[in-house]
Amino acid sequence: MTEIKKTLKAGTLLHGEKLTYEVEAVLGAGTFGITYKAKTRVTIGNVTHTVRYAIKEFFVAEACLRADDGSVIVNTAQKELYTSQLAAFRREARMLCDMPKHQGIVSVNERIDAFNTSYYVMEYLGESLAHHIESAPSHILSEPEALEIFLNISKAVAFLHSHYRLHLDIKPDNIMFYEEQPKLIDFGQSRVFDGKDYDRQKGTVSAGFSPLEQYKGINSFSPSADIYALGATLLYMLSGKRPVEAKDMTAEYIDSVLPPGIAEETRQVLHKCLARDPRQRGERISDILSILGYIISDDNGTTLIAEDQKPDRPCIHISGTVKKALIGVLVIVLAFLAVWQMLPLFSGMRQHTDRDTVTAVTDTVRKDSVSTDVAGPVGTNPKDTVVKKSTGPETAPGKPNDVITKEGGTDEKPVKQPENNEAPKNNTLDYASWSGRVINGKPDGYGKMTFTRPHLIPGTSIRAEVGDVLKGAFSDGRLVNGELNGKYIEVEER
């Protein structure tokens, strides 16, 4: 622990906009901050309660001293470092105050500026995961307990990712418990990818828990970095040993430190999470949890959690037998969809087997009817022939390409298909080019979509960027199934 040069005295009052807090004791300190235990009085109805909070103070140990009145004094030579880090601390506080609530993330009550520095007030938690592991027999957790903690923290991290946030410092020291619920704390390294927050200092890592690419700096939205840290935390819980640095991490090392009897699925999770290549880890928490037989409940069109927008629902565990059955059903459904998509092709082939014969389909043509249109099957090529029959004279009013069939004759001309039945190639939507049908301005059927500007994929909450390519099937303007840049995406239920 970094030496605490001078802290606020017990009894010091911090006045916020919501409440006034009294400092009770020091909980700990780091390079850029001191955390205090504090209390306040809250009146509910006619009853007054004492409520405790944890308060984090921005204090650069190597650049700051404290006056007798509690004010922070900054070393002139390190004023620039202090100023830049103070801005980052305030950004962290604002982010935590504004962040949608989640049971797996520490809640922040308010931010305070006082004593020439800044503070934020958060819920008071119990012991850290690091302390919990150190206190356990043999300094390791059982596999069921470790996986339960891993699952809960993974859900919190998936929630962050669904809001385009990375934590970037997941480790046992930054996981604490509140009534047995593990919660993520310390968002000092967190990044919000909203187009505004790209000036974070490069190369800040926690040895053993940060992936190799983080040593160079994370400058794009990369959930795989947090996935690595989650895997390292799970390995620490199961082995009781601080993981080696990312450059030395191998599958052989993982297997060598795990105790006997660890399930194969758990080993697979560790191997995937701790892969050196970020592409092997993947970008979705749900892909990791599915190895363990869990599905994250989802209502927002992605595999990520948005629990602030839906009622609480637990993760669903699926047994191996049920998983196999579900996979079998999925294979059958996909096979059916594939055949269904190919039917127009087969129909087109049949129509071209005899060039001298034009077959009209769909509606029944009444005998002696006058100028009755017969449209081709939905999805056929727009150049496919449509026949108009007539019992009238050889020429009749109509479009230049209308077909007038002589009774008993074979003179026929191709008929242009009506525009509302056409399925033109490379249709241009206002946000993408689309090779399938467009009905009422919406994509329909199967096709390829190339985005010409950032846009949500119709019927989902997944944002595509310029140049992204989507191949899939649409129904009534909503995506039914498909792949974005070659990766399968899950869609919301209607």
Protein backbone atom coordinates (compact mmCIF):
# COMPACT_ATOMS: atom_id res chain seq x y z
CA MET A 1 0.00 0.00 0.00
CA THR A 2 1.27 3.48 -0.82
CA GLU A 3 2.33 5.42 2.27
CA ILE A 4 -0.31 7.87 3.44
CA LYS A 5 1.53 11.13 4.07
CA LYS A 6 -1.39 13.09 5.49
CA THR A 7 -5.09 12.35 5.49
CA LEU A 8 -8.21 14.15 6.55
CA LYS A 9 -8.70 13.97 10.29
CA ALA A 10 -11.53 11.98 11.83
CA GLY A 11 -14.48 14.30 12.35
CA THR A 12 -13.78 16.40 9.23
CA LEU A 13 -17.01 17.41 7.51
CA LEU A 14 -17.52 17.27 3.75
CA HIS A 15 -20.54 19.25 2.55
CA GLY A 16 -22.23 17.92 -0.58
CA GLU A 17 -25.30 19.16 -2.40
CA LYS A 18 -27.32 16.24 -1.06
CA LEU A 19 -25.84 15.45 2.35
CA THR A 20 -23.08 16.37 4.80
CA TYR A 21 -20.61 13.57 5.56
CA GLU A 22 -18.36 13.11 8.60
CA VAL A 23 -15.03 11.34 8.05
CA GLU A 24 -14.56 8.41 10.47
CA ALA A 25 -11.46 6.53 9.33
CA VAL A 26 -9.09 5.79 6.47
CA LEU A 27 -9.91 2.64 4.50
CA GLY A 28 -6.91 2.67 2.17
CA ALA A 29 -4.78 4.63 -0.26
CA GLY A 30 -3.31 4.35 -3.73
CA THR A 31 -1.10 6.36 -6.05
CA PHE A 32 -3.86 8.81 -6.94
CA GLY A 33 -6.31 8.64 -4.07
CA ILE A 34 -7.30 8.01 -0.47
CA THR A 35 -10.53 6.27 0.51
CA TYR A 36 -12.32 7.14 3.75
CA LYS A 37 -15.14 5.64 5.74
CA ALA A 38 -17.72 8.31 6.51
CA LYS A 39 -21.16 8.61 8.03
CA THR A 40 -24.18 10.82 7.64
CA ARG A 41 -27.61 11.16 9.21
CA VAL A 42 -30.67 10.47 7.07
CA THR A 43 -34.25 11.05 8.24
CA ILE A 44 -36.93 8.78 6.82
CA GLY A 45 -40.36 9.78 8.04
CA ASN A 46 -39.87 10.54 11.71
CA VAL A 47 -36.90 8.21 12.17
CA THR A 48 -33.28 9.32 11.79
CA HIS A 49 -30.74 6.73 10.67
CA THR A 50 -26.96 6.70 10.55
CA VAL A 51 -25.81 5.68 7.08
CA ARG A 52 -22.21 4.93 6.13
CA TYR A 53 -20.51 5.68 2.84
CA ALA A 54 -17.05 5.32 1.34
CA ILE A 55 -15.55 8.57 0.05
CA LYS A 56 -12.71 8.61 -2.45
CA GLU A 57 -10.42 11.64 -2.40
CA PHE A 58 -8.11 12.65 -5.24
CA PHE A 59 -4.65 12.85 -3.68
CA VAL A 60 -1.41 12.30 -5.65
CA ALA A 61 0.91 10.77 -3.07
CA GLU A 62 4.11 11.93 -4.78
CA ALA A 63 2.92 15.45 -5.56
CA CYS A 64 0.73 16.49 -2.63
CA LEU A 65 0.92 17.42 1.04
CA ARG A 66 -1.85 18.55 3.35
CA ALA A 67 -2.20 21.70 5.43
CA ASP A 68 -3.48 21.59 9.00
CA ASP A 69 -6.93 22.72 7.86
CA GLY A 70 -7.15 19.73 5.49
CA SER A 71 -6.42 21.61 2.26
CA VAL A 72 -4.24 19.84 -0.31
CA ILE A 73 -0.93 21.55 -1.20
CA VAL A 74 0.52 20.65 -4.60
CA ASN A 75 4.24 20.50 -5.33
CA THR A 76 4.88 23.19 -7.94
CA ALA A 77 7.20 20.94 -9.96
CA GLN A 78 4.39 18.39 -10.39
CA LYS A 79 1.53 20.82 -10.86
CA GLU A 80 0.99 19.69 -14.47
CA LEU A 81 0.71 16.02 -13.46
CA TYR A 82 -1.71 16.94 -10.66
CA THR A 83 -3.91 19.04 -12.94
CA SER A 84 -4.21 16.39 -15.68
CA GLN A 85 -4.94 13.60 -13.22
CA LEU A 86 -7.48 15.74 -11.34
CA ALA A 87 -9.36 16.24 -14.64
CA ALA A 88 -9.35 12.45 -15.15
CA PHE A 89 -10.61 11.90 -11.59
CA ARG A 90 -13.48 14.34 -12.08
CA ARG A 91 -14.35 12.65 -15.36
CA GLU A 92 -14.44 9.31 -13.55
CA ALA A 93 -16.73 10.79 -10.88
CA ARG A 94 -19.10 12.26 -13.47
CA MET A 95 -19.21 8.97 -15.36
CA LEU A 96 -20.07 7.01 -12.21
CA CYS A 97 -22.73 9.53 -11.17
CA ASP A 98 -24.33 9.41 -14.61
CA MET A 99 -24.00 5.67 -15.16
CA PRO A 100 -27.25 3.66 -15.20
CA LYS A 101 -27.52 1.59 -12.04
CA HIS A 102 -26.50 -2.06 -11.97
CA GLN A 103 -26.33 -4.42 -9.01
CA GLY A 104 -22.80 -5.46 -9.93
CA ILE A 105 -21.36 -1.92 -10.07
CA VAL A 106 -20.69 0.33 -7.09
CA SER A 107 -23.24 3.15 -6.80
CA VAL A 108 -22.03 6.75 -6.52
CA ASN A 109 -24.17 9.25 -4.63
CA GLU A 110 -22.54 12.58 -5.51
CA ARG A 111 -19.33 14.48 -6.25
CA ILE A 112 -17.83 17.15 -3.98
CA ASP A 113 -15.14 19.79 -4.53
CA ALA A 114 -13.43 20.80 -1.28
CA PHE A 115 -10.00 21.29 0.31
CA ASN A 116 -8.44 22.15 -3.08
CA THR A 117 -9.28 18.70 -4.45
CA SER A 118 -12.24 16.51 -5.44
CA TYR A 119 -14.19 13.65 -3.86
CA TYR A 120 -16.94 11.26 -4.81
CA VAL A 121 -19.27 9.51 -2.40
CA MET A 122 -20.12 5.85 -3.02
CA GLU A 123 -21.90 3.07 -1.20
CA TYR A 124 -19.92 1.53 1.64
CA LEU A 125 -18.88 -2.02 0.77
CA GLY A 126 -17.35 -4.85 2.74
CA GLU A 127 -14.19 -6.86 2.03
CA SER A 128 -12.46 -7.08 -1.32
CA LEU A 129 -12.27 -10.25 -3.38
CA ALA A 130 -8.49 -10.22 -2.87
CA HIS A 131 -8.96 -10.31 0.92
CA HIS A 132 -11.66 -12.96 0.56
CA ILE A 133 -9.27 -15.21 -1.37
CA GLU A 134 -6.44 -14.66 1.11
CA SER A 135 -8.77 -15.60 3.97
CA ALA A 136 -10.02 -18.80 2.31
CA PRO A 137 -8.58 -22.25 3.17
CA SER A 138 -5.43 -22.83 1.09
CA HIS A 139 -6.05 -19.31 -0.34
CA ILE A 140 -8.25 -20.66 -3.12
CA LEU A 141 -12.01 -20.66 -3.75
CA SER A 142 -14.05 -23.70 -4.69
CA GLU A 143 -14.98 -23.94 -8.35
CA PRO A 144 -18.74 -23.32 -7.74
CA GLU A 145 -18.04 -20.21 -5.62
CA ALA A 146 -15.47 -18.86 -8.09
CA LEU A 147 -17.82 -19.37 -11.03
CA GLU A 148 -20.69 -17.65 -9.21
CA ILE A 149 -18.51 -14.57 -8.59
CA PHE A 150 -17.22 -14.75 -12.18
CA LEU A 151 -20.78 -14.89 -13.52
CA ASN A 152 -21.97 -11.89 -11.50
CA ILE A 153 -18.99 -9.72 -12.42
CA SER A 154 -19.26 -10.83 -16.06
CA LYS A 155 -22.86 -9.60 -16.13
CA ALA A 156 -21.73 -6.23 -14.78
CA VAL A 157 -18.97 -6.00 -17.39
CA ALA A 158 -21.42 -6.96 -20.17
CA PHE A 159 -23.66 -4.15 -18.94
CA LEU A 160 -20.75 -1.70 -19.22
CA HIS A 161 -19.99 -2.92 -22.74
CA SER A 162 -23.61 -2.42 -23.77
CA HIS A 163 -23.08 1.28 -22.91
CA TYR A 164 -19.80 1.43 -24.86
CA ARG A 165 -17.69 1.53 -21.70
CA LEU A 166 -14.58 -0.45 -20.79
CA HIS A 167 -13.40 -0.92 -17.21
CA LEU A 168 -9.75 -1.74 -18.04
CA ASP A 169 -8.73 -2.52 -14.45
CA ILE A 170 -10.67 -5.63 -13.42
CA LYS A 171 -8.84 -7.52 -10.68
CA PRO A 172 -9.59 -8.95 -7.20
CA ASP A 173 -8.59 -5.65 -5.50
CA ASN A 174 -11.29 -3.84 -7.52
CA ILE A 175 -14.10 -6.25 -6.68
CA MET A 176 -15.80 -5.80 -3.31
CA PHE A 177 -18.80 -7.39 -1.62
CA TYR A 178 -22.02 -5.92 -0.35
CA GLU A 179 -24.18 -8.50 1.40
CA GLU A 180 -22.46 -11.26 -0.62
CA GLN A 181 -23.06 -9.43 -3.93
CA PRO A 182 -19.74 -8.76 -5.71
CA LYS A 183 -19.44 -5.28 -7.16
CA LEU A 184 -16.95 -3.61 -9.48
CA ILE A 185 -15.22 -0.53 -8.07
CA ASP A 186 -12.42 1.86 -9.13
CA PHE A 187 -13.21 3.26 -12.57
CA GLY A 188 -10.05 5.36 -12.73
CA GLN A 189 -8.88 3.61 -15.91
CA SER A 190 -12.34 3.24 -17.44
CA ARG A 191 -12.99 4.53 -20.95
CA VAL A 192 -16.25 5.77 -22.46
CA PHE A 193 -16.26 5.51 -26.25
CA ASP A 194 -18.67 8.29 -27.15
CA GLY A 195 -16.35 10.19 -29.47
CA LYS A 196 -15.20 12.55 -26.72
CA ASP A 197 -13.04 10.58 -24.30
CA TYR A 198 -9.90 9.50 -26.14
CA ASP A 199 -7.14 11.27 -24.22
CA ARG A 200 -6.55 8.63 -21.54
CA GLN A 201 -2.90 8.08 -20.62
CA LYS A 202 -1.42 5.11 -22.46
CA GLY A 203 0.22 2.06 -20.94
CA THR A 204 -1.51 1.96 -17.52
CA VAL A 205 -1.70 -1.72 -16.55
CA SER A 206 -2.14 -4.12 -13.64
CA ALA A 207 0.51 -6.80 -14.11
CA GLY A 208 -1.04 -10.24 -14.33
CA PHE A 209 -4.52 -8.92 -15.12
CA SER A 210 -3.98 -6.67 -18.16
CA PRO A 211 -3.71 -8.10 -21.70
CA LEU A 212 -0.62 -7.55 -23.81
CA GLU A 213 -2.28 -4.92 -26.03
CA GLN A 214 -3.07 -2.74 -23.01
CA TYR A 215 0.64 -2.12 -22.45
CA LYS A 216 0.57 -0.05 -25.64
CA GLY A 217 -2.70 1.65 -24.76
CA ILE A 218 -6.34 0.93 -25.61
CA ASN A 219 -7.56 3.49 -28.12
CA SER A 220 -10.65 1.78 -29.51
CA PHE A 221 -13.66 0.00 -28.09
CA SER A 222 -12.14 -3.41 -27.30
CA PRO A 223 -14.24 -5.59 -24.96
CA SER A 224 -11.65 -8.35 -25.37
CA ALA A 225 -9.34 -6.42 -23.01
CA ASP A 226 -11.88 -6.72 -20.16
CA ILE A 227 -12.48 -10.36 -21.10
CA TYR A 228 -8.77 -11.07 -20.50
CA ALA A 229 -8.95 -9.44 -17.05
CA LEU A 230 -12.05 -11.49 -16.18
CA GLY A 231 -10.20 -14.69 -17.10
CA ALA A 232 -7.16 -13.67 -15.04
CA THR A 233 -9.42 -12.96 -12.05
CA LEU A 234 -11.09 -16.38 -12.38
CA LEU A 235 -7.67 -18.06 -12.60
CA TYR A 236 -6.56 -16.26 -9.44
CA MET A 237 -9.69 -17.37 -7.57
CA LEU A 238 -9.14 -21.02 -8.56
CA SER A 239 -5.36 -21.18 -8.15
CA GLY A 240 -4.67 -18.71 -5.35
CA LYS A 241 -1.72 -17.43 -7.38
CA ARG A 242 -1.32 -14.05 -9.03
CA PRO A 243 -1.28 -14.76 -12.78
CA VAL A 244 1.92 -14.26 -14.75
CA GLU A 245 2.14 -11.26 -17.05
CA ALA A 246 0.36 -11.47 -20.39
CA LYS A 247 3.60 -11.98 -22.35
CA ASP A 248 4.19 -15.21 -20.38
CA MET A 249 0.59 -16.48 -20.34
CA THR A 250 0.10 -19.84 -22.08
CA ALA A 251 -2.42 -22.67 -22.04
CA GLU A 252 0.25 -24.87 -20.45
CA TYR A 253 0.70 -22.37 -17.62
CA ILE A 254 -3.04 -22.22 -16.98
CA ASP A 255 -3.32 -26.00 -16.74
CA SER A 256 -0.24 -26.21 -14.50
CA VAL A 257 -1.59 -23.92 -11.77
CA LEU A 258 -5.17 -25.20 -11.67
CA PRO A 259 -5.97 -27.70 -8.93
CA PRO A 260 -7.17 -31.21 -9.87
CA GLY A 261 -10.82 -31.78 -10.72
CA ILE A 262 -11.54 -28.48 -12.52
CA ALA A 263 -14.29 -29.01 -15.13
CA GLU A 264 -13.31 -29.05 -18.79
CA GLU A 265 -15.74 -26.21 -19.54
CA THR A 266 -13.99 -24.01 -16.95
CA ARG A 267 -10.63 -24.77 -18.54
CA GLN A 268 -12.04 -23.83 -21.94
CA VAL A 269 -13.24 -20.50 -20.55
CA LEU A 270 -9.79 -19.76 -19.11
CA HIS A 271 -8.02 -20.71 -22.33
CA LYS A 272 -10.35 -18.50 -24.37
CA CYS A 273 -10.28 -15.49 -22.02
CA LEU A 274 -6.50 -15.57 -21.60
CA ALA A 275 -5.58 -16.08 -25.25
CA ARG A 276 -2.76 -13.77 -26.32
CA ASP A 277 -4.55 -12.87 -29.56
CA PRO A 278 -7.60 -10.64 -28.80
CA ARG A 279 -9.45 -12.16 -31.77
CA GLN A 280 -9.38 -15.57 -30.10
CA ARG A 281 -11.00 -14.10 -26.98
CA GLY A 282 -13.85 -12.55 -28.92
CA GLU A 283 -15.75 -9.36 -28.12
CA ARG A 284 -18.87 -10.70 -26.36
CA ILE A 285 -19.25 -11.77 -22.76
CA SER A 286 -22.16 -13.99 -23.79
CA ASP A 287 -19.83 -16.15 -25.91
CA ILE A 288 -17.72 -16.83 -22.81
CA LEU A 289 -20.67 -17.63 -20.58
CA SER A 290 -22.26 -19.91 -23.18
CA ILE A 291 -19.31 -22.30 -22.73
CA LEU A 292 -20.46 -22.72 -19.13
CA GLY A 293 -24.07 -23.23 -20.23
CA TYR A 294 -25.36 -19.78 -19.31
CA ILE A 295 -27.37 -17.30 -21.37
CA ILE A 296 -27.57 -13.65 -20.41
CA SER A 297 -31.17 -12.49 -20.55
CA ASP A 298 -31.42 -9.80 -23.22
CA ASP A 299 -34.09 -7.39 -24.42
CA ASN A 300 -32.07 -4.85 -26.37
CA GLY A 301 -31.18 -6.70 -29.56
CA THR A 302 -27.62 -7.63 -28.64
CA THR A 303 -26.11 -10.24 -26.35
CA LEU A 304 -25.36 -7.60 -23.77
CA ILE A 305 -27.29 -6.65 -20.66
CA ALA A 306 -29.39 -3.52 -20.28
CA GLU A 307 -30.92 -4.22 -16.90
CA ASP A 308 -31.88 -0.59 -16.41
CA GLN A 309 -34.32 -1.07 -19.28
CA LYS A 310 -35.90 -4.37 -18.28
CA PRO A 311 -37.20 -6.21 -15.22
CA ASP A 312 -34.64 -8.27 -13.33
CA ARG A 313 -34.35 -11.77 -14.75
CA PRO A 314 -31.77 -14.31 -13.65
CA CYS A 315 -29.32 -15.96 -16.00
CA ILE A 316 -30.68 -19.26 -17.25
CA HIS A 317 -28.52 -22.35 -16.88
CA ILE A 318 -28.94 -24.93 -19.63
CA SER A 319 -27.91 -28.52 -19.10
CA GLY A 320 -25.77 -30.33 -21.67
CA THR A 321 -28.70 -32.45 -22.86
CA VAL A 322 -30.97 -29.47 -23.34
CA LYS A 323 -28.20 -27.58 -25.13
CA LYS A 324 -27.80 -30.43 -27.62
CA ALA A 325 -31.55 -30.49 -28.23
CA LEU A 326 -31.65 -26.74 -28.78
CA ILE A 327 -28.72 -26.92 -31.18
CA GLY A 328 -30.52 -29.68 -33.11
CA VAL A 329 -33.66 -27.54 -33.41
CA LEU A 330 -31.56 -24.56 -34.51
CA VAL A 331 -29.87 -26.63 -37.23
CA ILE A 332 -33.27 -27.76 -38.55
CA VAL A 333 -34.60 -24.18 -38.56
CA LEU A 334 -31.53 -22.86 -40.36
CA ALA A 335 -31.75 -25.68 -42.93
CA PHE A 336 -35.41 -24.82 -43.55
CA LEU A 337 -34.55 -21.13 -43.99
CA ALA A 338 -31.75 -22.03 -46.41
CA VAL A 339 -34.11 -24.14 -48.55
CA TRP A 340 -36.75 -21.41 -48.40
CA GLN A 341 -34.25 -18.84 -49.62
CA MET A 342 -33.24 -21.09 -52.52
CA LEU A 343 -36.78 -21.67 -53.79
CA PRO A 344 -36.82 -18.52 -55.96
CA LEU A 345 -33.60 -19.70 -57.62
CA PHE A 346 -35.08 -23.12 -58.44
CA SER A 347 -38.22 -21.41 -59.71
CA GLY A 348 -36.12 -19.19 -61.97
CA MET A 349 -34.28 -22.23 -63.32
CA ARG A 350 -37.55 -23.95 -64.16
CA GLN A 351 -38.82 -20.88 -65.96
CA HIS A 352 -35.81 -20.85 -68.26
CA THR A 353 -35.79 -24.55 -69.25
CA ASP A 354 -37.94 -23.87 -72.30
CA ARG A 355 -37.43 -20.45 -73.82
CA ASP A 356 -40.51 -20.81 -76.04
CA THR A 357 -42.85 -21.44 -73.11
CA VAL A 358 -43.88 -18.72 -70.68
CA THR A 359 -45.63 -19.91 -67.56
CA ALA A 360 -47.79 -17.57 -65.53
CA VAL A 361 -48.21 -18.46 -61.84
CA THR A 362 -50.02 -17.48 -58.64
CA ASP A 363 -53.56 -16.30 -59.55
CA THR A 364 -56.03 -18.43 -61.54
CA VAL A 365 -56.91 -16.90 -64.87
CA ARG A 366 -60.60 -17.07 -65.60
CA LYS A 367 -61.67 -18.21 -69.05
CA ASP A 368 -62.56 -15.41 -71.47
CA SER A 369 -61.14 -12.83 -69.05
CA VAL A 370 -59.94 -9.56 -70.47
CA SER A 371 -56.38 -8.33 -69.70
CA THR A 372 -55.82 -10.34 -66.49
CA ASP A 373 -52.32 -9.84 -64.89
CA VAL A 374 -50.49 -12.85 -63.55
CA ALA A 375 -47.46 -12.06 -61.42
CA GLY A 376 -44.41 -14.28 -60.96
CA PRO A 377 -43.45 -15.76 -57.60
CA VAL A 378 -42.09 -13.39 -54.99
CA GLY A 379 -38.32 -13.20 -55.08
CA THR A 380 -37.87 -14.15 -58.76
CA ASN A 381 -35.60 -12.15 -61.01
CA PRO A 382 -37.19 -8.88 -62.14
CA LYS A 383 -36.55 -9.94 -65.73
CA ASP A 384 -38.71 -13.06 -65.36
CA THR A 385 -41.64 -13.08 -67.79
CA VAL A 386 -45.17 -12.20 -66.79
CA VAL A 387 -48.00 -12.98 -69.26
CA LYS A 388 -51.14 -10.96 -69.85
CA LYS A 389 -53.89 -12.91 -71.64
CA SER A 390 -56.58 -11.36 -73.74
CA THR A 391 -59.44 -12.56 -75.90
CA GLY A 392 -59.55 -9.19 -77.68
CA PRO A 393 -57.92 -8.10 -80.92
CA GLU A 394 -54.21 -8.42 -81.67
CA THR A 395 -53.47 -4.93 -80.47
CA ALA A 396 -54.99 -3.23 -77.49
CA PRO A 397 -54.30 -0.20 -75.38
CA GLY A 398 -51.66 -0.63 -72.71
CA LYS A 399 -47.98 -0.27 -71.96
CA PRO A 400 -45.57 -0.81 -74.85
CA ASN A 401 -44.41 -4.11 -73.41
CA ASP A 402 -47.87 -5.51 -72.69
CA VAL A 403 -48.38 -8.98 -74.15
CA ILE A 404 -51.39 -9.65 -76.32
CA THR A 405 -51.77 -13.34 -77.07
CA LYS A 406 -53.49 -14.39 -80.27
CA GLU A 407 -55.93 -17.17 -79.73
CA GLY A 408 -54.17 -20.32 -80.76
CA GLY A 409 -51.03 -18.33 -81.59
CA THR A 410 -47.55 -18.23 -80.06
CA ASP A 411 -46.56 -14.59 -80.60
CA GLU A 412 -45.65 -13.25 -77.18
CA LYS A 413 -43.47 -10.42 -75.92
CA PRO A 414 -41.91 -10.16 -72.46
CA VAL A 415 -43.92 -8.11 -70.03
CA LYS A 416 -42.18 -5.75 -67.65
CA GLN A 417 -43.03 -6.69 -64.08
CA PRO A 418 -44.93 -3.97 -62.18
CA GLU A 419 -42.68 -1.82 -60.03
CA ASN A 420 -44.31 -2.79 -56.75
CA ASN A 421 -43.42 -6.44 -57.37
CA GLU A 422 -39.85 -5.87 -58.47
CA ALA A 423 -36.84 -7.06 -56.50
CA PRO A 424 -34.12 -4.88 -57.99
CA LYS A 425 -30.47 -5.41 -57.22
CA ASN A 426 -28.46 -2.89 -55.15
CA ASN A 427 -31.38 -0.84 -53.95
CA THR A 428 -30.28 2.32 -52.21
CA LEU A 429 -31.75 2.93 -48.78
CA ASP A 430 -31.00 6.27 -47.12
CA TYR A 431 -28.28 4.57 -45.06
CA ALA A 432 -27.10 1.57 -47.12
CA SER A 433 -27.15 -0.22 -50.45
CA TRP A 434 -29.31 -3.34 -50.33
CA SER A 435 -29.48 -6.23 -52.83
CA GLY A 436 -32.88 -7.53 -51.73
CA ARG A 437 -36.43 -6.23 -52.02
CA VAL A 438 -37.60 -2.92 -50.61
CA ILE A 439 -41.20 -2.76 -49.46
CA ASN A 440 -42.59 0.54 -48.20
CA GLY A 441 -39.05 1.84 -47.86
CA LYS A 442 -37.94 -1.14 -45.72
CA PRO A 443 -35.66 -4.08 -46.57
CA ASP A 444 -37.44 -7.39 -47.05
CA GLY A 445 -36.31 -10.96 -47.70
CA TYR A 446 -32.72 -12.11 -47.97
CA GLY A 447 -29.90 -9.98 -49.27
CA LYS A 448 -26.65 -8.12 -48.69
CA MET A 449 -26.56 -4.67 -47.08
CA THR A 450 -23.52 -2.39 -47.26
CA PHE A 451 -23.80 0.62 -44.94
CA THR A 452 -23.02 4.03 -46.38
CA ARG A 453 -23.42 5.82 -43.05
CA PRO A 454 -23.60 4.77 -39.36
CA HIS A 455 -27.03 3.35 -38.61
CA LEU A 456 -28.81 0.91 -36.31
CA ILE A 457 -29.50 -2.38 -38.03
CA PRO A 458 -33.30 -2.35 -38.58
CA GLY A 459 -35.11 -4.18 -35.81
CA THR A 460 -32.08 -4.28 -33.47
CA SER A 461 -30.02 -2.01 -31.23
CA ILE A 462 -26.79 -2.96 -32.98
CA ARG A 463 -25.02 -0.01 -34.59
CA ALA A 464 -23.29 -0.60 -37.92
CA GLU A 465 -20.55 1.71 -39.19
CA VAL A 466 -19.73 2.94 -42.70
CA GLY A 467 -18.50 0.04 -44.83
CA ASP A 468 -19.94 -2.70 -42.58
CA VAL A 469 -21.54 -5.55 -44.53
CA LEU A 470 -24.65 -7.35 -43.33
CA LYS A 471 -25.92 -10.55 -44.94
CA GLY A 472 -29.26 -11.72 -43.65
CA ALA A 473 -33.02 -12.05 -43.90
CA PHE A 474 -35.54 -9.31 -43.13
CA SER A 475 -39.25 -9.54 -42.51
CA ASP A 476 -41.44 -6.44 -42.35
CA GLY A 477 -38.29 -4.32 -42.13
CA ARG A 478 -36.83 -6.22 -39.15
CA LEU A 479 -33.77 -8.45 -39.16
CA VAL A 480 -34.68 -12.12 -38.65
CA ASN A 481 -31.17 -13.54 -38.73
CA GLY A 482 -27.86 -12.59 -40.24
CA GLU A 483 -24.14 -11.94 -40.03
CA LEU A 484 -22.40 -8.59 -39.64
CA ASN A 485 -18.91 -8.62 -41.16
CA GLY A 486 -18.99 -12.41 -41.06
CA LYS A 487 -20.01 -12.67 -37.40
CA TYR A 488 -23.42 -14.06 -36.44
CA ILE A 489 -25.55 -11.56 -34.52
CA GLU A 490 -28.47 -12.27 -32.25
CA VAL A 491 -31.66 -10.30 -32.71
CA GLU A 492 -34.37 -9.35 -30.32
CA GLU A 493 -37.58 -11.28 -30.07
CA ARG A 494 -40.63 -9.49 -31.42
